[in-house]
């Protein structure tokens, strides 16, 4: 989607109904309805056009009327401190086109988060875990979203301290992704020395992160995009430096032994591009953006379950 305000750079979110019809979308700053018109009260969200994962849309559990938009601030400048916030859309307003509720907008959840945001269905089959990473720390935060709002917070101190090495605010870049089955998380960053490429186990019932595995193989690789394969067996990291490409890891190599997984690393792309975001689509393919950004096409991994 071309964003109507022309100010899009990195993170975005959209959501459809159960038939695949567009409901609305956002770049973390502005919300547009299915007719590509700004929603009433849909401007001035406190996400940022330069945040890796600027926005995430999650339906309120048990409701087809209300939707939460979670946003993360851009961290390219140390003065940007809006953190993780949410705003709520009521789809029964504006003739069914949606409206951001005026007194449920930019509600603070957690300050000073990295540009990382994902969701996992709770083990109870109804709620969601909204997951982010606290910046200047080693802490994952998982917030349980229920029909009554956020009802629990689980903090897991595990993995690398962000940022690792030089304390650049711009090292907040890089995606946080969950596997389709919700049992693994992967995280990366760049603009730091050292850069981070790690994966973990996640418990969808307890909300805890465990079993840290470091697959970083080049401290200056500037990791950005991440995706799991649809069958949960492959993990992809994209590097946004030229001549580095996208790499695949086989998560079941050696029965999941961390050394075997690390040794399974395979370059799967033309390395003449610098690759950015990765996104698993509903068709089972993984799509990628890349630089130079003047090109008018996406990269695609057509069969991401396959090895190599």
Protein backbone atom coordinates (compact mmCIF):
# COMPACT_ATOMS: atom_id res chain seq x y z
CA UNK A 1 0.00 0.00 0.00
CA UNK A 2 1.25 3.50 -0.83
CA UNK A 3 0.63 5.58 2.27
CA UNK A 4 -1.49 8.63 1.43
CA UNK A 5 0.68 11.07 3.40
CA UNK A 6 3.86 10.03 1.58
CA UNK A 7 5.91 9.87 4.79
CA UNK A 8 6.31 6.13 5.16
CA UNK A 9 9.76 4.66 5.70
CA UNK A 10 9.82 1.52 7.85
CA UNK A 11 7.18 -0.15 10.01
CA UNK A 12 3.51 -0.49 9.12
CA UNK A 13 0.45 -2.58 9.96
CA UNK A 14 -2.81 -3.50 8.27
CA UNK A 15 -5.72 -5.73 9.19
CA UNK A 16 -8.48 -7.47 7.24
CA UNK A 17 -11.73 -9.18 8.13
CA UNK A 18 -12.08 -12.98 8.07
CA UNK A 19 -12.74 -12.86 4.31
CA UNK A 20 -9.55 -10.94 3.59
CA UNK A 21 -11.20 -7.55 3.01
CA UNK A 22 -9.12 -4.58 4.16
CA UNK A 23 -10.39 -2.83 7.29
CA UNK A 24 -7.70 -0.23 7.99
CA UNK A 25 -3.95 0.36 8.08
CA UNK A 26 -1.36 2.61 9.72
CA UNK A 27 2.27 3.71 9.66
CA UNK A 28 2.25 4.30 13.40
CA UNK A 29 1.45 8.00 12.98
CA UNK A 30 -1.80 8.07 10.97
CA UNK A 31 -4.65 5.56 10.56
CA UNK A 32 -6.42 5.18 7.19
CA UNK A 33 -9.67 3.31 6.61
CA UNK A 34 -10.46 0.84 3.82
CA UNK A 35 -11.27 3.77 1.51
CA UNK A 36 -7.75 5.18 2.04
CA UNK A 37 -9.13 8.15 3.97
CA UNK A 38 -7.78 9.20 7.34
CA UNK A 39 -10.01 7.95 10.16
CA UNK A 40 -11.67 10.51 12.43
CA UNK A 41 -9.15 11.17 15.23
CA UNK A 42 -6.74 9.01 13.21
CA UNK A 43 -3.81 11.42 13.16
CA UNK A 44 -1.17 12.04 15.81
CA UNK A 45 -0.43 8.51 16.99
CA UNK A 46 2.90 8.37 18.80
CA UNK A 47 4.57 5.75 16.68
CA UNK A 48 7.24 6.88 14.24
CA UNK A 49 7.77 6.61 10.48
CA UNK A 50 11.37 5.53 11.18
CA UNK A 51 10.59 2.72 13.63
CA UNK A 52 11.35 -0.80 12.38
CA UNK A 53 8.09 -2.17 13.74
CA UNK A 54 6.14 1.06 14.12
CA UNK A 55 2.71 -0.50 14.57
CA UNK A 56 0.83 -3.70 15.33
CA UNK A 57 -2.96 -4.19 15.06
CA UNK A 58 -4.65 -6.78 17.28
CA UNK A 59 -8.40 -7.38 17.65
CA UNK A 60 -9.74 -7.07 21.16
CA UNK A 61 -10.23 -10.67 22.31
CA UNK A 62 -13.86 -11.70 21.98
CA UNK A 63 -14.82 -8.65 19.91
CA UNK A 64 -15.23 -7.86 16.22
CA UNK A 65 -15.84 -4.19 17.02
CA UNK A 66 -12.70 -2.99 18.80
CA UNK A 67 -9.08 -3.16 17.63
CA UNK A 68 -5.90 -2.19 19.45
CA UNK A 69 -3.15 -0.37 17.56
CA UNK A 70 0.16 -0.75 19.41
CA UNK A 71 2.94 1.65 18.38
CA UNK A 72 6.66 2.01 19.02
CA UNK A 73 8.62 5.21 18.75
CA UNK A 74 11.58 5.65 16.42
CA UNK A 75 14.88 5.58 18.31
CA UNK A 76 17.19 7.23 15.79
CA UNK A 77 17.35 10.20 18.12
CA UNK A 78 17.83 9.77 21.86
CA UNK A 79 15.20 12.44 22.54
CA UNK A 80 12.41 10.29 21.07
CA UNK A 81 10.89 8.68 24.14
CA UNK A 82 7.24 7.91 23.44
CA UNK A 83 7.77 4.18 24.07
CA UNK A 84 5.13 1.47 23.56
CA UNK A 85 1.57 2.81 23.48
CA UNK A 86 -1.85 1.75 22.29
CA UNK A 87 -4.87 3.37 20.69
CA UNK A 88 -8.28 1.72 20.18
CA UNK A 89 -10.36 1.76 16.99
CA UNK A 90 -14.16 1.36 17.12
CA UNK A 91 -15.28 -0.17 13.80
CA UNK A 92 -18.95 0.62 14.48
CA UNK A 93 -18.28 4.35 14.12
CA UNK A 94 -18.11 6.46 10.93
CA UNK A 95 -20.62 4.23 9.11
CA UNK A 96 -18.56 1.12 9.71
CA UNK A 97 -15.30 2.64 8.48
CA UNK A 98 -13.83 3.02 11.96
CA UNK A 99 -12.84 5.80 14.32
CA UNK A 100 -9.97 6.12 16.79
CA UNK A 101 -11.61 6.61 20.21
CA UNK A 102 -10.56 10.05 21.45
CA UNK A 103 -9.92 9.10 25.09
CA UNK A 104 -8.30 5.75 24.22
CA UNK A 105 -5.39 7.13 22.22
CA UNK A 106 -1.62 6.97 22.87
CA UNK A 107 -2.04 5.15 26.19
CA UNK A 108 1.42 4.42 27.63
CA UNK A 109 2.31 0.75 28.17
CA UNK A 110 6.13 0.86 28.54
CA UNK A 111 8.69 3.59 28.06
CA UNK A 112 12.06 3.32 26.26
CA UNK A 113 11.44 0.25 24.12
CA UNK A 114 13.47 -0.79 21.11
CA UNK A 115 11.79 -0.67 17.68
CA UNK A 116 10.51 -4.24 18.20
CA UNK A 117 6.92 -5.43 18.45
CA UNK A 118 5.13 -8.73 17.83
CA UNK A 119 2.12 -10.70 19.08
CA UNK A 120 1.47 -14.35 19.93
CA UNK A 121 -1.86 -16.01 20.62
CA UNK A 122 -2.09 -16.85 24.31
CA UNK A 123 -2.12 -20.51 25.29
CA UNK A 124 -5.71 -20.07 26.49
CA UNK A 125 -6.73 -19.71 22.82
CA UNK A 126 -8.43 -16.34 23.35
CA UNK A 127 -6.02 -13.67 24.56
CA UNK A 128 -2.80 -12.34 22.99
CA UNK A 129 0.71 -11.69 24.24
CA UNK A 130 2.04 -8.33 23.02
CA UNK A 131 5.82 -8.67 23.11
CA UNK A 132 8.54 -6.03 22.97
CA UNK A 133 12.11 -5.53 24.21
CA UNK A 134 13.13 -2.88 26.72
CA UNK A 135 16.03 -0.80 25.41
CA UNK A 136 19.22 -0.44 27.49
CA UNK A 137 18.40 -3.81 29.05
CA UNK A 138 18.20 -7.57 28.52
CA UNK A 139 14.44 -7.67 29.20
CA UNK A 140 11.62 -9.02 27.08
CA UNK A 141 8.20 -7.72 28.14
CA UNK A 142 5.10 -9.80 27.35
CA UNK A 143 1.75 -8.08 28.02
CA UNK A 144 -1.38 -10.23 28.19
CA UNK A 145 -4.19 -8.57 26.24
CA UNK A 146 -7.65 -9.84 27.21
CA UNK A 147 -11.21 -8.66 26.71
CA UNK A 148 -10.58 -6.47 29.77
CA UNK A 149 -7.41 -4.88 28.38
CA UNK A 150 -3.88 -5.60 29.56
CA UNK A 151 -4.24 -7.85 32.59
CA UNK A 152 -0.74 -9.25 33.13
CA UNK A 153 2.91 -8.41 32.44
CA UNK A 154 5.68 -11.03 32.26
CA UNK A 155 9.31 -9.88 32.19
CA UNK A 156 12.08 -12.26 31.04
CA UNK A 157 15.70 -11.21 31.51
CA UNK A 158 17.54 -13.26 28.91
CA UNK A 159 19.84 -12.86 25.91
CA UNK A 160 21.99 -9.87 25.08
CA UNK A 161 21.81 -6.45 26.63
CA UNK A 162 20.50 -3.98 24.00
CA UNK A 163 22.54 -2.41 22.50
CA UNK A 164 25.53 -4.72 22.70
CA UNK A 165 28.75 -2.71 22.67
CA UNK A 166 28.67 0.95 21.68
CA UNK A 167 25.59 2.66 23.12
CA UNK A 168 24.07 4.02 19.93
CA UNK A 169 20.35 4.90 20.14
CA UNK A 170 20.10 3.96 16.44
CA UNK A 171 20.98 0.37 17.40
CA UNK A 172 17.31 -0.04 18.35
CA UNK A 173 16.60 -1.08 14.73
CA UNK A 174 15.79 -4.64 13.75
CA UNK A 175 12.75 -6.91 13.90
CA UNK A 176 11.35 -9.14 16.64
CA UNK A 177 9.40 -12.09 15.23
CA UNK A 178 7.48 -15.07 16.57
CA UNK A 179 7.21 -18.44 14.86
CA UNK A 180 3.76 -19.26 13.43
CA UNK A 181 3.13 -21.78 16.22
CA UNK A 182 4.08 -19.19 18.84
CA UNK A 183 6.76 -21.31 20.47
CA UNK A 184 9.87 -19.43 19.36
CA UNK A 185 11.03 -15.81 19.16
CA UNK A 186 13.90 -14.34 17.17
CA UNK A 187 15.45 -10.90 17.52
CA UNK A 188 18.09 -8.88 15.71
CA UNK A 189 19.61 -5.44 15.56
CA UNK A 190 22.16 -3.38 13.67
CA UNK A 191 24.00 -0.08 13.90
CA UNK A 192 25.96 -1.42 16.85
CA UNK A 193 29.22 -3.12 17.65
CA UNK A 194 28.37 -5.93 18.28
CA UNK A 195 25.16 -6.59 16.35
CA UNK A 196 22.62 -9.11 17.66
CA UNK A 197 21.11 -12.24 16.04
CA UNK A 198 19.41 -14.56 18.56
CA UNK A 199 16.49 -16.90 18.99
CA UNK A 200 14.63 -18.24 22.03
CA UNK A 201 11.81 -20.50 23.18
CA UNK A 202 8.52 -18.84 24.13
CA UNK A 203 5.80 -20.29 26.34
CA UNK A 204 2.41 -19.10 25.02
CA UNK A 205 0.69 -20.08 28.27
CA UNK A 206 3.12 -18.50 30.76
CA UNK A 207 4.46 -15.67 28.57
CA UNK A 208 8.08 -16.50 29.42
CA UNK A 209 11.14 -16.40 27.16
CA UNK A 210 13.83 -19.07 27.67
CA UNK A 211 16.69 -21.06 26.08
CA UNK A 212 18.78 -18.30 24.52
CA UNK A 213 20.73 -19.24 21.36
CA UNK A 214 23.17 -16.82 19.73
CA UNK A 215 23.61 -17.33 15.95
CA UNK A 216 25.51 -14.13 15.28
CA UNK A 217 28.39 -14.85 12.90
CA UNK A 218 29.59 -11.35 12.07
CA UNK A 219 29.56 -8.62 14.71
CA UNK A 220 29.09 -5.91 12.06
CA UNK A 221 26.43 -7.61 9.92
CA UNK A 222 23.68 -5.08 10.71
CA UNK A 223 20.82 -7.55 11.11
CA UNK A 224 17.38 -6.12 10.35
CA UNK A 225 14.73 -8.46 8.87
CA UNK A 226 13.61 -11.74 10.49
CA UNK A 227 11.11 -14.42 9.58
CA UNK A 228 10.29 -18.01 10.44
CA UNK A 229 9.10 -20.45 7.79
CA UNK A 230 5.42 -21.48 7.84
CA UNK A 231 6.33 -24.95 9.21
CA UNK A 232 8.43 -23.40 12.03
CA UNK A 233 11.60 -25.29 11.02
CA UNK A 234 13.58 -22.51 9.29
CA UNK A 235 14.69 -19.11 10.52
CA UNK A 236 15.80 -16.27 8.24
CA UNK A 237 17.92 -13.22 9.06
CA UNK A 238 18.32 -10.36 6.57
CA UNK A 239 21.33 -8.05 6.63
CA UNK A 240 21.01 -4.45 5.54
CA UNK A 241 24.62 -4.12 4.44
CA UNK A 242 25.51 -4.75 0.81
CA UNK A 243 27.10 -8.11 -0.04
CA UNK A 244 25.65 -9.80 3.05
CA UNK A 245 22.21 -11.02 1.93
CA UNK A 246 19.59 -13.20 3.65
CA UNK A 247 20.60 -16.32 5.56
CA UNK A 248 18.63 -19.42 6.52
CA UNK A 249 19.06 -21.52 9.67
CA UNK A 250 17.65 -25.03 10.05
CA UNK A 251 16.11 -25.09 13.54
CA UNK A 252 15.79 -28.89 13.58
CA UNK A 253 19.40 -29.58 12.51
CA UNK A 254 20.97 -32.05 14.91
CA UNK A 255 17.67 -32.38 16.71
CA UNK A 256 17.74 -28.65 17.43
CA UNK A 257 21.24 -28.67 18.92
CA UNK A 258 22.39 -25.01 18.96
CA UNK A 259 25.80 -25.78 17.43
CA UNK A 260 24.15 -27.75 14.61
CA UNK A 261 21.64 -24.96 14.01
CA UNK A 262 24.45 -22.39 13.81
CA UNK A 263 26.41 -24.63 11.42
CA UNK A 264 23.38 -24.92 9.12
CA UNK A 265 23.64 -21.25 8.08
CA UNK A 266 23.06 -20.92 4.33
CA UNK A 267 23.07 -17.84 2.10
CA UNK A 268 19.81 -17.98 0.13
CA UNK A 269 19.84 -14.68 -1.78
CA UNK A 270 21.75 -12.63 -4.28
CA UNK A 271 24.03 -10.65 -2.00
CA UNK A 272 24.24 -7.61 -4.28
CA UNK A 273 21.38 -5.99 -2.35
CA UNK A 274 21.05 -4.79 1.21
CA UNK A 275 17.93 -6.48 2.58
CA UNK A 276 15.60 -4.93 5.11
CA UNK A 277 12.24 -6.16 6.47
CA UNK A 278 11.04 -9.75 6.02
CA UNK A 279 7.37 -10.71 6.22
CA UNK A 280 5.66 -14.09 6.00
CA UNK A 281 2.57 -13.73 3.83
CA UNK A 282 -0.75 -15.60 3.97
CA UNK A 283 0.35 -17.47 0.82
CA UNK A 284 3.20 -19.12 2.73
CA UNK A 285 5.91 -17.08 1.00
CA UNK A 286 8.37 -14.71 2.68
CA UNK A 287 8.63 -11.24 1.15
CA UNK A 288 11.52 -8.81 1.57
CA UNK A 289 12.24 -5.17 1.01
CA UNK A 290 15.72 -4.08 0.04
CA UNK A 291 17.88 -1.20 -1.07
CA UNK A 292 18.29 0.62 -3.34
CA UNK A 293 14.78 1.68 -2.42
CA UNK A 294 14.27 3.17 -5.88
CA UNK A 295 13.54 -0.33 -7.22
CA UNK A 296 9.83 -1.04 -7.58
CA UNK A 297 9.75 -4.71 -6.63
CA UNK A 298 9.90 -6.99 -3.61
CA UNK A 299 12.11 -9.99 -3.11
CA UNK A 300 10.36 -13.30 -2.42
CA UNK A 301 11.36 -16.67 -0.97
CA UNK A 302 8.88 -18.89 -2.76
CA UNK A 303 9.35 -22.04 -0.67
CA UNK A 304 10.71 -21.01 2.73
CA UNK A 305 10.13 -24.49 4.24
CA UNK A 306 12.76 -25.96 1.92
CA UNK A 307 16.41 -26.29 2.93
CA UNK A 308 18.95 -24.10 1.15
